[in-house]
C-alpha atoms as a PDB file:
ATOM      1  CA  MET A   1      -0.001   0.107  -0.097  1.00  0.00           C
ATOM      2  CA  THR A   2       1.407   3.613  -1.279  1.00  0.00           C
ATOM      3  CA  ALA A   3       1.478   5.630   2.018  1.00  0.00           C
ATOM      4  CA  ARG A   4      -0.952   9.144   0.707  1.00  0.00           C
ATOM      5  CA  ILE A   5       1.469  11.900   1.689  1.00  0.00           C
ATOM      6  CA  GLY A   6      -1.034  15.353   1.714  1.00  0.00           C
ATOM      7  CA  ILE A   7       0.694  18.755   0.639  1.00  0.00           C
ATOM      8  CA  VAL A   8      -1.466  22.117   1.784  1.00  0.00           C
ATOM      9  CA  THR A   9      -1.854  24.843  -0.569  1.00  0.00           C
ATOM     10  CA  PHE A  10      -2.123  28.023   0.775  1.00  0.00           C
ATOM     11  CA  PRO A  11      -2.047  31.833  -0.861  1.00  0.00           C
ATOM     12  CA  GLY A  12       1.020  32.141  -1.294  1.00  0.00           C
ATOM     13  CA  SER A  13       2.981  28.676  -1.251  1.00  0.00           C
ATOM     14  CA  LEU A  14       5.513  28.322  -4.167  1.00  0.00           C
ATOM     15  CA  ASP A  15       6.918  24.857  -3.523  1.00  0.00           C
ATOM     16  CA  ASP A  16       3.668  22.989  -2.450  1.00  0.00           C
ATOM     17  CA  ALA A  17       4.429  21.579  -6.556  1.00  0.00           C
ATOM     18  CA  ASP A  18       7.887  20.659  -5.409  1.00  0.00           C
ATOM     19  CA  ALA A  19       7.158  19.320  -2.331  1.00  0.00           C
ATOM     20  CA  ALA A  20       5.090  16.705  -4.281  1.00  0.00           C
ATOM     21  CA  ARG A  21       7.171  16.103  -6.666  1.00  0.00           C
ATOM     22  CA  ALA A  22       9.889  15.206  -3.842  1.00  0.00           C
ATOM     23  CA  VAL A  23       6.850  12.756  -2.438  1.00  0.00           C
ATOM     24  CA  ARG A  24       6.394  10.933  -6.127  1.00  0.00           C
ATOM     25  CA  ILE A  25      10.703  10.602  -6.384  1.00  0.00           C
ATOM     26  CA  ALA A  26      10.466   9.120  -2.800  1.00  0.00           C
ATOM     27  CA  GLY A  27       7.509   6.108  -3.639  1.00  0.00           C
ATOM     28  CA  GLY A  28       4.526   7.822  -2.000  1.00  0.00           C
ATOM     29  CA  GLU A  29       1.514   9.032  -3.597  1.00  0.00           C
ATOM     30  CA  PRO A  30       0.999  13.419  -2.559  1.00  0.00           C
ATOM     31  CA  ILE A  31      -2.434  14.456  -2.272  1.00  0.00           C
ATOM     32  CA  ALA A  32      -3.035  18.377  -2.829  1.00  0.00           C
ATOM     33  CA  LEU A  33      -4.686  20.137   0.180  1.00  0.00           C
ATOM     34  CA  TRP A  34      -6.192  23.018   0.321  1.00  0.00           C
ATOM     35  CA  HIS A  35      -6.181  25.988   2.967  1.00  0.00           C
ATOM     36  CA  GLY A  36      -9.403  26.277   3.139  1.00  0.00           C
ATOM     37  CA  ASP A  37     -10.769  22.474   3.855  1.00  0.00           C
ATOM     38  CA  ASP A  38     -10.225  21.198   6.987  1.00  0.00           C
ATOM     39  CA  ASP A  39     -10.545  17.628   5.184  1.00  0.00           C
ATOM     40  CA  LEU A  40      -7.636  15.800   4.568  1.00  0.00           C
ATOM     41  CA  ARG A  41      -8.372  13.402   2.165  1.00  0.00           C
ATOM     42  CA  GLY A  42      -7.319  10.512   4.792  1.00  0.00           C
ATOM     43  CA  VAL A  43      -3.246  11.453   4.407  1.00  0.00           C
ATOM     44  CA  ASP A  44      -0.979   9.782   6.436  1.00  0.00           C
ATOM     45  CA  ALA A  45       1.682  12.306   6.911  1.00  0.00           C
ATOM     46  CA  VAL A  46       1.347  16.534   6.233  1.00  0.00           C
ATOM     47  CA  VAL A  47       4.092  18.674   4.220  1.00  0.00           C
ATOM     48  CA  LEU A  48       3.630  22.432   4.862  1.00  0.00           C
ATOM     49  CA  PRO A  49       5.446  23.094   2.300  1.00  0.00           C
ATOM     50  CA  GLY A  50       7.659  27.073   1.888  1.00  0.00           C
ATOM     51  CA  GLY A  51       6.505  29.951   0.025  1.00  0.00           C
ATOM     52  CA  PHE A  52       5.042  33.115   1.811  1.00  0.00           C
ATOM     53  CA  SER A  53       1.555  31.815   2.961  1.00  0.00           C
ATOM     54  CA  TYR A  54      -0.755  34.741   3.115  1.00  0.00           C
ATOM     55  CA  GLY A  55       1.853  37.431   1.498  1.00  0.00           C
ATOM     56  CA  ASP A  56       3.778  37.227   5.164  1.00  0.00           C
ATOM     57  CA  TYR A  57       1.591  40.189   6.288  1.00  0.00           C
ATOM     58  CA  LEU A  58       1.804  40.369  10.505  1.00  0.00           C
ATOM     59  CA  ARG A  59       4.222  37.383  11.174  1.00  0.00           C
ATOM     60  CA  CYS A  60       5.669  34.502   8.551  1.00  0.00           C
ATOM     61  CA  GLY A  61       3.281  32.134   9.313  1.00  0.00           C
ATOM     62  CA  ALA A  62       0.720  33.922  11.997  1.00  0.00           C
ATOM     63  CA  ILE A  63      -2.199  34.234   9.465  1.00  0.00           C
ATOM     64  CA  ALA A  64      -1.577  30.147   8.121  1.00  0.00           C
ATOM     65  CA  ARG A  65      -2.267  28.911  11.543  1.00  0.00           C
ATOM     66  CA  PHE A  66      -5.576  29.993  11.584  1.00  0.00           C
ATOM     67  CA  ALA A  67      -6.246  28.326   8.193  1.00  0.00           C
ATOM     68  CA  PRO A  68      -9.404  25.313   9.029  1.00  0.00           C
ATOM     69  CA  VAL A  69      -6.767  22.659   7.241  1.00  0.00           C
ATOM     70  CA  MET A  70      -4.357  23.347  10.497  1.00  0.00           C
ATOM     71  CA  THR A  71      -7.588  22.557  12.910  1.00  0.00           C
ATOM     72  CA  SER A  72      -7.111  19.005  11.397  1.00  0.00           C
ATOM     73  CA  VAL A  73      -3.736  18.928  11.158  1.00  0.00           C
ATOM     74  CA  VAL A  74      -2.998  20.017  14.436  1.00  0.00           C
ATOM     75  CA  GLU A  75      -5.260  17.431  16.442  1.00  0.00           C
ATOM     76  CA  ARG A  76      -3.780  14.912  13.765  1.00  0.00           C
ATOM     77  CA  ALA A  77      -0.297  15.908  14.423  1.00  0.00           C
ATOM     78  CA  HIS A  78      -0.824  15.285  18.638  1.00  0.00           C
ATOM     79  CA  ALA A  79      -2.290  12.664  17.637  1.00  0.00           C
ATOM     80  CA  GLY A  80       1.371  10.645  16.244  1.00  0.00           C
ATOM     81  CA  MET A  81       0.688  11.463  12.570  1.00  0.00           C
ATOM     82  CA  PRO A  82       3.910  13.088  11.092  1.00  0.00           C
ATOM     83  CA  VAL A  83       3.886  16.437   9.462  1.00  0.00           C
ATOM     84  CA  LEU A  84       6.876  18.300   8.018  1.00  0.00           C
ATOM     85  CA  GLY A  85       7.057  22.719   7.965  1.00  0.00           C
ATOM     86  CA  ILE A  86       9.711  23.725   5.574  1.00  0.00           C
ATOM     87  CA  CYS A  87      10.639  27.186   5.782  1.00  0.00           C
ATOM     88  CA  ASN A  88       7.393  28.896   5.483  1.00  0.00           C
ATOM     89  CA  GLY A  89       6.053  25.191   6.677  1.00  0.00           C
ATOM     90  CA  PHE A  90       8.345  25.603   9.637  1.00  0.00           C
ATOM     91  CA  GLN A  91       7.167  28.762  10.990  1.00  0.00           C
ATOM     92  CA  ILE A  92       3.463  28.162  11.188  1.00  0.00           C
ATOM     93  CA  LEU A  93       4.436  25.485  13.069  1.00  0.00           C
ATOM     94  CA  CYS A  94       5.800  27.116  15.331  1.00  0.00           C
ATOM     95  CA  GLU A  95       2.699  30.001  15.205  1.00  0.00           C
ATOM     96  CA  SER A  96       0.920  26.518  15.964  1.00  0.00           C
ATOM     97  CA  HIS A  97       2.063  25.921  18.007  1.00  0.00           C
ATOM     98  CA  LEU A  98       3.126  22.249  17.615  1.00  0.00           C
ATOM     99  CA  LEU A  99       7.239  23.350  17.707  1.00  0.00           C
ATOM    100  CA  PRO A 100       8.468  26.194  20.591  1.00  0.00           C
ATOM    101  CA  GLY A 101      10.214  29.273  18.955  1.00  0.00           C
ATOM    102  CA  ALA A 102       9.932  31.442  16.179  1.00  0.00           C
ATOM    103  CA  LEU A 103      11.991  32.869  13.046  1.00  0.00           C
ATOM    104  CA  THR A 104      12.367  35.904  12.479  1.00  0.00           C
ATOM    105  CA  ARG A 105      14.362  38.465   9.823  1.00  0.00           C
ATOM    106  CA  ASN A 106      18.447  36.665   9.013  1.00  0.00           C
ATOM    107  CA  ASP A 107      20.601  39.113  11.485  1.00  0.00           C
ATOM    108  CA  HIS A 108      21.988  40.108   8.114  1.00  0.00           C
ATOM    109  CA  LEU A 109      19.135  41.595   7.202  1.00  0.00           C
ATOM    110  CA  HIS A 110      18.814  40.224   3.501  1.00  0.00           C
ATOM    111  CA  PHE A 111      16.820  37.110   1.797  1.00  0.00           C
ATOM    112  CA  ILE A 112      20.015  34.034   1.455  1.00  0.00           C
ATOM    113  CA  CYS A 113      19.573  31.731  -1.476  1.00  0.00           C
ATOM    114  CA  ARG A 114      22.814  29.041  -1.107  1.00  0.00           C
ATOM    115  CA  ASP A 115      23.524  25.836  -1.196  1.00  0.00           C
ATOM    116  CA  GLN A 116      23.680  24.819   2.637  1.00  0.00           C
ATOM    117  CA  ARG A 117      25.768  22.301   4.590  1.00  0.00           C
ATOM    118  CA  LEU A 118      24.491  20.237   7.632  1.00  0.00           C
ATOM    119  CA  ARG A 119      24.641  18.185  10.349  1.00  0.00           C
ATOM    120  CA  ILE A 120      21.569  15.718  10.966  1.00  0.00           C
ATOM    121  CA  GLU A 121      22.122  15.771  14.833  1.00  0.00           C
ATOM    122  CA  ASN A 122      18.526  13.915  15.418  1.00  0.00           C
ATOM    123  CA  ALA A 123      18.716  10.760  12.963  1.00  0.00           C
ATOM    124  CA  ASP A 124      15.061   9.216  15.056  1.00  0.00           C
ATOM    125  CA  THR A 125      12.235  11.029  13.969  1.00  0.00           C
ATOM    126  CA  ASP A 126       9.842   9.926  11.263  1.00  0.00           C
ATOM    127  CA  TRP A 127      11.344  12.667   8.744  1.00  0.00           C
ATOM    128  CA  THR A 128      15.208  12.265   8.942  1.00  0.00           C
ATOM    129  CA  ARG A 129      15.316   8.045  10.482  1.00  0.00           C
ATOM    130  CA  ASN A 130      17.056   6.892   7.043  1.00  0.00           C
ATOM    131  CA  PHE A 131      20.085   9.493   7.888  1.00  0.00           C
ATOM    132  CA  ASP A 132      22.963   8.469   9.812  1.00  0.00           C
ATOM    133  CA  ALA A 133      22.926  10.426  13.030  1.00  0.00           C
ATOM    134  CA  HIS A 134      26.113  13.056  12.358  1.00  0.00           C
ATOM    135  CA  SER A 135      25.942  12.776   9.189  1.00  0.00           C
ATOM    136  CA  GLU A 136      26.844  15.618   6.576  1.00  0.00           C
ATOM    137  CA  ILE A 137      24.021  16.829   3.685  1.00  0.00           C
ATOM    138  CA  VAL A 138      24.046  19.954   1.442  1.00  0.00           C
ATOM    139  CA  ILE A 139      20.743  20.871   0.430  1.00  0.00           C
ATOM    140  CA  PRO A 140      19.054  24.713  -0.788  1.00  0.00           C
ATOM    141  CA  LEU A 141      18.956  27.526   1.290  1.00  0.00           C
ATOM    142  CA  LYS A 142      16.160  30.229   0.450  1.00  0.00           C
ATOM    143  CA  ASN A 143      14.910  32.681   3.171  1.00  0.00           C
ATOM    144  CA  GLY A 144      14.258  35.889   4.754  1.00  0.00           C
ATOM    145  CA  GLU A 145      13.336  35.078   8.402  1.00  0.00           C
ATOM    146  CA  GLY A 146      14.934  32.043   8.773  1.00  0.00           C
ATOM    147  CA  GLY A 147      16.890  33.144  12.060  1.00  0.00           C
ATOM    148  CA  TYR A 148      15.389  31.367  14.567  1.00  0.00           C
ATOM    149  CA  VAL A 149      14.855  31.750  18.718  1.00  0.00           C
ATOM    150  CA  ALA A 150      13.498  30.500  21.297  1.00  0.00           C
ATOM    151  CA  ASP A 151      14.339  31.328  25.054  1.00  0.00           C
ATOM    152  CA  GLU A 152      17.921  30.438  26.665  1.00  0.00           C
ATOM    153  CA  ALA A 153      15.913  27.350  28.772  1.00  0.00           C
ATOM    154  CA  THR A 154      14.050  26.656  25.830  1.00  0.00           C
ATOM    155  CA  LEU A 155      16.756  25.851  23.994  1.00  0.00           C
ATOM    156  CA  ASP A 156      18.087  24.056  26.721  1.00  0.00           C
ATOM    157  CA  MET A 157      15.240  22.034  26.906  1.00  0.00           C
ATOM    158  CA  LEU A 158      15.943  21.443  22.719  1.00  0.00           C
ATOM    159  CA  GLU A 159      19.569  20.323  23.225  1.00  0.00           C
ATOM    160  CA  SER A 160      19.048  18.082  26.628  1.00  0.00           C
ATOM    161  CA  GLU A 161      16.439  16.334  24.668  1.00  0.00           C
ATOM    162  CA  GLY A 162      17.802  15.895  21.498  1.00  0.00           C
ATOM    163  CA  ARG A 163      15.588  17.930  19.705  1.00  0.00           C
ATOM    164  CA  VAL A 164      16.961  19.836  17.648  1.00  0.00           C
ATOM    165  CA  ILE A 165      17.500  17.446  14.274  1.00  0.00           C
ATOM    166  CA  ALA A 166      19.502  19.437  11.960  1.00  0.00           C
ATOM    167  CA  ARG A 167      22.195  22.812  12.889  1.00  0.00           C
ATOM    168  CA  TYR A 168      24.378  24.503   9.837  1.00  0.00           C
ATOM    169  CA  LEU A 169      27.561  23.856   9.359  1.00  0.00           C
ATOM    170  CA  GLY A 170      30.011  26.681   7.938  1.00  0.00           C
ATOM    171  CA  GLY A 171      28.679  29.745   9.285  1.00  0.00           C
ATOM    172  CA  ASN A 172      25.263  30.465  10.552  1.00  0.00           C
ATOM    173  CA  PRO A 173      23.527  31.887   7.531  1.00  0.00           C
ATOM    174  CA  ASN A 174      20.404  33.332   9.121  1.00  0.00           C
ATOM    175  CA  GLY A 175      21.714  34.280  12.794  1.00  0.00           C
ATOM    176  CA  SER A 176      19.902  31.542  14.563  1.00  0.00           C
ATOM    177  CA  ARG A 177      20.249  30.057  18.311  1.00  0.00           C
ATOM    178  CA  ARG A 178      22.822  27.723  18.266  1.00  0.00           C
ATOM    179  CA  GLU A 179      23.206  26.827  14.611  1.00  0.00           C
ATOM    180  CA  ILE A 180      20.160  25.938  14.687  1.00  0.00           C
ATOM    181  CA  ALA A 181      18.326  24.963  11.045  1.00  0.00           C
ATOM    182  CA  GLY A 182      15.388  22.281  12.347  1.00  0.00           C
ATOM    183  CA  ILE A 183      13.470  21.077  15.359  1.00  0.00           C
ATOM    184  CA  CYS A 184      11.064  18.707  16.126  1.00  0.00           C
ATOM    185  CA  ASN A 185       8.586  18.869  18.785  1.00  0.00           C
ATOM    186  CA  GLU A 186       9.091  15.485  21.944  1.00  0.00           C
ATOM    187  CA  ARG A 187       7.708  12.556  19.744  1.00  0.00           C
ATOM    188  CA  GLY A 188      10.038  13.517  16.943  1.00  0.00           C
ATOM    189  CA  ASN A 189       6.882  13.010  14.618  1.00  0.00           C
ATOM    190  CA  VAL A 190       6.676  16.417  13.708  1.00  0.00           C
ATOM    191  CA  VAL A 191       9.851  18.325  12.847  1.00  0.00           C
ATOM    192  CA  GLY A 192      10.215  21.730  11.112  1.00  0.00           C
ATOM    193  CA  LEU A 193      13.123  22.759   9.380  1.00  0.00           C
ATOM    194  CA  MET A 194      14.122  26.144   7.695  1.00  0.00           C
ATOM    195  CA  PRO A 195      16.048  24.861   4.600  1.00  0.00           C
ATOM    196  CA  HIS A 196      14.780  23.028   1.590  1.00  0.00           C
ATOM    197  CA  PRO A 197      15.332  19.154   1.147  1.00  0.00           C
ATOM    198  CA  GLU A 198      12.677  19.072  -1.537  1.00  0.00           C
ATOM    199  CA  HIS A 199      15.136  21.047  -3.985  1.00  0.00           C
ATOM    200  CA  ALA A 200      17.753  17.943  -3.529  1.00  0.00           C
ATOM    201  CA  VAL A 201      15.929  15.052  -4.486  1.00  0.00           C
ATOM    202  CA  GLU A 202      17.378  14.617  -7.989  1.00  0.00           C
ATOM    203  CA  ASP A 203      20.977  15.762  -9.427  1.00  0.00           C
ATOM    204  CA  LEU A 204      19.760  16.591 -12.717  1.00  0.00           C
ATOM    205  CA  THR A 205      18.257  19.959 -10.367  1.00  0.00           C
ATOM    206  CA  GLY A 206      19.455  19.797  -7.435  1.00  0.00           C
ATOM    207  CA  PRO A 207      23.416  20.321  -5.621  1.00  0.00           C
ATOM    208  CA  SER A 208      22.244  16.268  -4.507  1.00  0.00           C
ATOM    209  CA  THR A 209      20.243  13.683  -3.723  1.00  0.00           C
ATOM    210  CA  ASP A 210      20.458  14.261   0.218  1.00  0.00           C
ATOM    211  CA  GLY A 211      17.258  15.673   0.733  1.00  0.00           C
ATOM    212  CA  LEU A 212      15.173  12.653  -0.867  1.00  0.00           C
ATOM    213  CA  GLY A 213      16.105  11.329   2.958  1.00  0.00           C
ATOM    214  CA  PHE A 214      13.375  12.954   4.951  1.00  0.00           C
ATOM    215  CA  PHE A 215      10.797  12.034   1.983  1.00  0.00           C
ATOM    216  CA  SER A 216      12.161   8.420   2.337  1.00  0.00           C
ATOM    217  CA  SER A 217      12.156   8.205   5.685  1.00  0.00           C
ATOM    218  CA  VAL A 218       8.507   9.354   6.289  1.00  0.00           C
ATOM    219  CA  LEU A 219       7.453   6.627   3.994  1.00  0.00           C
ATOM    220  CA  THR A 220       9.844   4.352   6.369  1.00  0.00           C
ATOM    221  CA  SER A 221       7.884   5.834   9.460  1.00  0.00           C
ATOM    222  CA  LEU A 222       4.588   4.721   8.148  1.00  0.00           C
ATOM    223  CA  LEU A 223       4.790   1.192   6.719  1.00  0.00           C
ATOM    224  CA  GLU A 224       6.711   0.621  10.313  1.00  0.00           C
ATOM    225  CA  GLY A 225       3.701   1.530  11.693  1.00  0.00           C
ATOM    226  CA  ALA A 226       1.584  -0.178   9.635  1.00  0.00           C
ATOM    227  CA  SER A 227       3.444  -3.250   9.744  1.00  0.00           C
ATOM    228  CA  ARG A 228       3.056  -3.390  13.771  1.00  0.00           C
END
């Protein structure tokens, strides 16, 4: 049975088609989900893609968190459904309180777009289990408000509980505290990642195929969950 992975489109989403393609290349079935519909259409997992949902008015992701689809996503995430938020999707997960902290304006106040080296810190989540812990990967990074911030107590908690899933290497590109590029919730089913794995799934178009591991990981997680 092929896993059905929902890809949510908000007004201003840019990378929903890329995320759907990455799911398809990994071997899953992408299912289009609309922001104004709270029906998740029986999907097994959800990807919140990158872009500028609702034009990034107020704060990035601050309006998208109130979209009808997010009511269902939050409910299912609390029940254990895997959810991946990429870039703007990461911002939405923080605004929805599925993940702690927030994403703020890059410390250099410029939009950044480059191939970025990362180290996988946690290979035990639903979205990273096909990586080796401490492996280094390269995937694109493109953001204007990608600096991850949280208070010291929250940062210490994320570190002590192993909830930092990826860290920037080769210099901090946006001022993220402790070079954090991605985090997960306590259960490991919800992951937020600022760089874009969906743009690194084929040799023809990406700097690598390293991003494919995020999408194959969730398929492995779902397959093992179904076999229990």
